[in-house]
C-alpha atoms as a PDB file:
ATOM      1  CA  MET A   1     120.718  79.427 122.945  1.00  0.00           C
ATOM      2  CA  THR A   2     119.548  79.426 119.464  1.00  0.00           C
ATOM      3  CA  ARG A   3     115.811  79.984 120.382  1.00  0.00           C
ATOM      4  CA  GLU A   4     116.670  82.617 122.824  1.00  0.00           C
ATOM      5  CA  ALA A   5     118.705  84.520 120.669  1.00  0.00           C
ATOM      6  CA  ILE A   6     116.378  84.790 117.688  1.00  0.00           C
ATOM      7  CA  ASP A   7     113.766  85.686 120.032  1.00  0.00           C
ATOM      8  CA  VAL A   8     115.970  88.614 121.476  1.00  0.00           C
ATOM      9  CA  VAL A   9     116.650  90.121 118.009  1.00  0.00           C
ATOM     10  CA  ARG A  10     112.741  89.396 117.247  1.00  0.00           C
ATOM     11  CA  ALA A  11     111.920  91.588 120.007  1.00  0.00           C
ATOM     12  CA  HIS A  12     114.562  94.171 118.682  1.00  0.00           C
ATOM     13  CA  TYR A  13     113.181  94.365 115.156  1.00  0.00           C
ATOM     14  CA  ASP A  14     109.543  94.245 116.204  1.00  0.00           C
ATOM     15  CA  ALA A  15     110.484  97.658 118.658  1.00  0.00           C
ATOM     16  CA  LEU A  16     111.953  99.091 115.498  1.00  0.00           C
ATOM     17  CA  GLY A  17     108.737  98.555 113.361  1.00  0.00           C
ATOM     18  CA  ARG A  18     106.853 100.374 116.170  1.00  0.00           C
ATOM     19  CA  ARG A  19     109.403 102.866 116.105  1.00  0.00           C
ATOM     20  CA  ASP A  20     109.826 102.191 120.016  1.00  0.00           C
ATOM     21  CA  ARG A  21     112.793 103.357 120.849  1.00  0.00           C
ATOM     22  CA  PRO A  22     112.761 102.808 124.343  1.00  0.00           C
ATOM     23  CA  GLY A  23     112.057  99.255 123.363  1.00  0.00           C
ATOM     24  CA  VAL A  24     114.664  98.622 120.865  1.00  0.00           C
ATOM     25  CA  LEU A  25     117.307 100.274 123.638  1.00  0.00           C
ATOM     26  CA  ALA A  26     116.160  97.368 125.981  1.00  0.00           C
ATOM     27  CA  THR A  27     117.242  94.955 123.777  1.00  0.00           C
ATOM     28  CA  VAL A  28     120.932  96.028 123.734  1.00  0.00           C
ATOM     29  CA  ALA A  29     123.766  95.459 125.829  1.00  0.00           C
ATOM     30  CA  ASP A  30     124.813  98.266 128.278  1.00  0.00           C
ATOM     31  CA  ASP A  31     128.278  97.795 126.471  1.00  0.00           C
ATOM     32  CA  VAL A  32     126.819  96.765 123.360  1.00  0.00           C
ATOM     33  CA  ASP A  33     129.653  97.244 120.437  1.00  0.00           C
ATOM     34  CA  TRP A  34     127.569  98.460 117.503  1.00  0.00           C
ATOM     35  CA  GLN A  35     129.287  99.040 114.435  1.00  0.00           C
ATOM     36  CA  PHE A  36     127.706 100.538 110.948  1.00  0.00           C
ATOM     37  CA  THR A  37     131.006 100.556 108.662  1.00  0.00           C
ATOM     38  CA  GLY A  38     130.780 103.507 106.199  1.00  0.00           C
ATOM     39  CA  PRO A  39     132.411 106.701 104.804  1.00  0.00           C
ATOM     40  CA  PRO A  40     131.750 110.241 106.733  1.00  0.00           C
ATOM     41  CA  THR A  41     129.216 111.431 104.389  1.00  0.00           C
ATOM     42  CA  ILE A  42     127.094 108.806 106.078  1.00  0.00           C
ATOM     43  CA  PRO A  43     126.430 110.518 109.574  1.00  0.00           C
ATOM     44  CA  PHE A  44     125.516 107.501 111.487  1.00  0.00           C
ATOM     45  CA  ALA A  45     128.553 105.555 110.330  1.00  0.00           C
ATOM     46  CA  GLY A  46     131.516 104.209 112.368  1.00  0.00           C
ATOM     47  CA  ALA A  47     131.945 102.660 115.891  1.00  0.00           C
ATOM     48  CA  HIS A  48     129.404 103.208 118.907  1.00  0.00           C
ATOM     49  CA  GLN A  49     130.161 101.591 121.763  1.00  0.00           C
ATOM     50  CA  GLY A  50     127.552 101.635 124.782  1.00  0.00           C
ATOM     51  CA  ARG A  51     123.253 101.811 124.616  1.00  0.00           C
ATOM     52  CA  ALA A  52     124.051 105.499 125.017  1.00  0.00           C
ATOM     53  CA  ALA A  53     125.669 105.524 121.466  1.00  0.00           C
ATOM     54  CA  VAL A  54     123.304 103.427 119.709  1.00  0.00           C
ATOM     55  CA  ALA A  55     120.685 105.622 121.164  1.00  0.00           C
ATOM     56  CA  ALA A  56     122.370 108.693 118.938  1.00  0.00           C
ATOM     57  CA  PHE A  57     122.949 106.454 116.064  1.00  0.00           C
ATOM     58  CA  LEU A  58     119.051 106.001 116.289  1.00  0.00           C
ATOM     59  CA  ALA A  59     118.199 109.077 116.606  1.00  0.00           C
ATOM     60  CA  THR A  60     120.518 110.477 114.086  1.00  0.00           C
ATOM     61  CA  ILE A  61     118.799 107.686 111.587  1.00  0.00           C
ATOM     62  CA  ALA A  62     115.416 109.020 112.706  1.00  0.00           C
ATOM     63  CA  ASN A  63     116.129 112.841 112.640  1.00  0.00           C
ATOM     64  CA  SER A  64     117.861 112.575 108.938  1.00  0.00           C
ATOM     65  CA  VAL A  65     115.415 109.999 106.891  1.00  0.00           C
ATOM     66  CA  ASP A  66     111.853 109.660 105.998  1.00  0.00           C
ATOM     67  CA  VAL A  67     111.778 105.233 106.251  1.00  0.00           C
ATOM     68  CA  LEU A  68     109.810 104.316 103.002  1.00  0.00           C
ATOM     69  CA  ALA A  69     110.321 100.693 103.398  1.00  0.00           C
ATOM     70  CA  PHE A  70     112.126  98.695 106.215  1.00  0.00           C
ATOM     71  CA  ASP A  71     111.580  94.279 105.594  1.00  0.00           C
ATOM     72  CA  VAL A  72     113.157  91.795 107.341  1.00  0.00           C
ATOM     73  CA  GLU A  73     113.490  89.077 104.873  1.00  0.00           C
ATOM     74  CA  ARG A  74     115.097  86.053 106.955  1.00  0.00           C
ATOM     75  CA  MET A  75     116.805  84.972 110.180  1.00  0.00           C
ATOM     76  CA  ILE A  76     119.146  82.167 110.349  1.00  0.00           C
ATOM     77  CA  ALA A  77     120.485  81.593 114.222  1.00  0.00           C
ATOM     78  CA  ASP A  78     123.897  79.575 115.145  1.00  0.00           C
ATOM     79  CA  GLY A  79     124.449  79.335 118.795  1.00  0.00           C
ATOM     80  CA  ASP A  80     124.270  83.090 120.121  1.00  0.00           C
ATOM     81  CA  THR A  81     125.006  84.650 116.886  1.00  0.00           C
ATOM     82  CA  VAL A  82     121.897  85.436 114.365  1.00  0.00           C
ATOM     83  CA  VAL A  83     122.009  86.700 110.763  1.00  0.00           C
ATOM     84  CA  VAL A  84     119.370  88.647 109.725  1.00  0.00           C
ATOM     85  CA  PHE A  85     118.685  89.344 106.094  1.00  0.00           C
ATOM     86  CA  GLY A  86     116.430  92.247 105.215  1.00  0.00           C
ATOM     87  CA  ARG A  87     116.081  95.286 102.753  1.00  0.00           C
ATOM     88  CA  GLU A  88     115.396  99.275 103.269  1.00  0.00           C
ATOM     89  CA  HIS A  89     114.410 102.170 101.220  1.00  0.00           C
ATOM     90  CA  PHE A  90     115.061 105.498 102.710  1.00  0.00           C
ATOM     91  CA  ARG A  91     115.176 108.863 101.628  1.00  0.00           C
ATOM     92  CA  VAL A  92     117.259 111.677 102.982  1.00  0.00           C
ATOM     93  CA  ARG A  93     115.382 114.741 104.059  1.00  0.00           C
ATOM     94  CA  ALA A  94     117.823 117.076 103.270  1.00  0.00           C
ATOM     95  CA  THR A  95     118.704 116.128  99.824  1.00  0.00           C
ATOM     96  CA  ARG A  96     115.216 114.553  98.932  1.00  0.00           C
ATOM     97  CA  ARG A  97     117.760 111.601  97.501  1.00  0.00           C
ATOM     98  CA  ALA A  98     116.536 107.887  98.419  1.00  0.00           C
ATOM     99  CA  TRP A  99     118.577 104.498  98.865  1.00  0.00           C
ATOM    100  CA  ASP A 100     117.114 100.985  98.205  1.00  0.00           C
ATOM    101  CA  VAL A 101     119.170  98.691  99.165  1.00  0.00           C
ATOM    102  CA  ASP A 102     119.483  95.102 100.752  1.00  0.00           C
ATOM    103  CA  TRP A 103     121.459  94.582 103.802  1.00  0.00           C
ATOM    104  CA  ILE A 104     122.874  92.172 106.305  1.00  0.00           C
ATOM    105  CA  GLN A 105     122.992  92.485 109.847  1.00  0.00           C
ATOM    106  CA  VAL A 106     124.915  90.006 112.267  1.00  0.00           C
ATOM    107  CA  HIS A 107     123.705  90.261 115.957  1.00  0.00           C
ATOM    108  CA  THR A 108     125.523  88.573 118.863  1.00  0.00           C
ATOM    109  CA  VAL A 109     123.468  88.055 121.961  1.00  0.00           C
ATOM    110  CA  ARG A 110     124.823  87.420 125.412  1.00  0.00           C
ATOM    111  CA  ASP A 111     123.073  87.435 128.734  1.00  0.00           C
ATOM    112  CA  GLY A 112     119.792  87.827 126.534  1.00  0.00           C
ATOM    113  CA  VAL A 113     120.579  91.294 125.136  1.00  0.00           C
ATOM    114  CA  ILE A 114     122.718  91.894 121.883  1.00  0.00           C
ATOM    115  CA  SER A 115     125.708  92.751 122.875  1.00  0.00           C
ATOM    116  CA  ARG A 116     127.339  92.935 119.346  1.00  0.00           C
ATOM    117  CA  PHE A 117     125.776  94.303 115.814  1.00  0.00           C
ATOM    118  CA  ARG A 118     127.493  94.404 112.290  1.00  0.00           C
ATOM    119  CA  GLU A 119     125.883  95.810 109.304  1.00  0.00           C
ATOM    120  CA  TYR A 120     126.662  95.023 105.477  1.00  0.00           C
ATOM    121  CA  THR A 121     125.214  97.102 102.935  1.00  0.00           C
ATOM    122  CA  ASP A 122     125.953  98.992  99.708  1.00  0.00           C
ATOM    123  CA  THR A 123     127.074 102.145 101.793  1.00  0.00           C
ATOM    124  CA  ALA A 124     128.096 103.661  98.622  1.00  0.00           C
ATOM    125  CA  ALA A 125     124.439 104.046  97.909  1.00  0.00           C
ATOM    126  CA  ILE A 126     123.642 105.296 101.197  1.00  0.00           C
ATOM    127  CA  ALA A 127     126.680 107.653 101.080  1.00  0.00           C
ATOM    128  CA  ALA A 128     125.032 109.326  97.546  1.00  0.00           C
ATOM    129  CA  ALA A 129     121.766 109.834  98.944  1.00  0.00           C
ATOM    130  CA  TYR A 130     123.382 111.956 101.784  1.00  0.00           C
ATOM    131  CA  ASP A 131     125.686 113.587  99.543  1.00  0.00           C
ATOM    132  CA  ALA A 132     124.237 117.187  98.389  1.00  0.00           C
END
């Protein structure tokens, strides 16, 4: 399953890079369990259950920040789990403050789609950028 899992996750990031929201959503399960843990200052933080909730998560990000950089640096797979290391530099439109952080995103692939997502990053830096 490792090769298939990497291919699914790679397709996910390729669609993100093209800003192809339908393409991104096609890579996640209808019942995906998507979590970005962080304080309520971050408008997209929290647990998001299902494809529609992930669409709202992505829309919140797209509507509130300018993407200055988003780089996937490395992928490691073991069975149905793909761990992705990367870096992002975003600027919040409302505050004009930016964050520049490393992140780790963990994807579980089931039946050819992402069924579980967790992100680990410096949420204090992200919250500070949103804090007016």
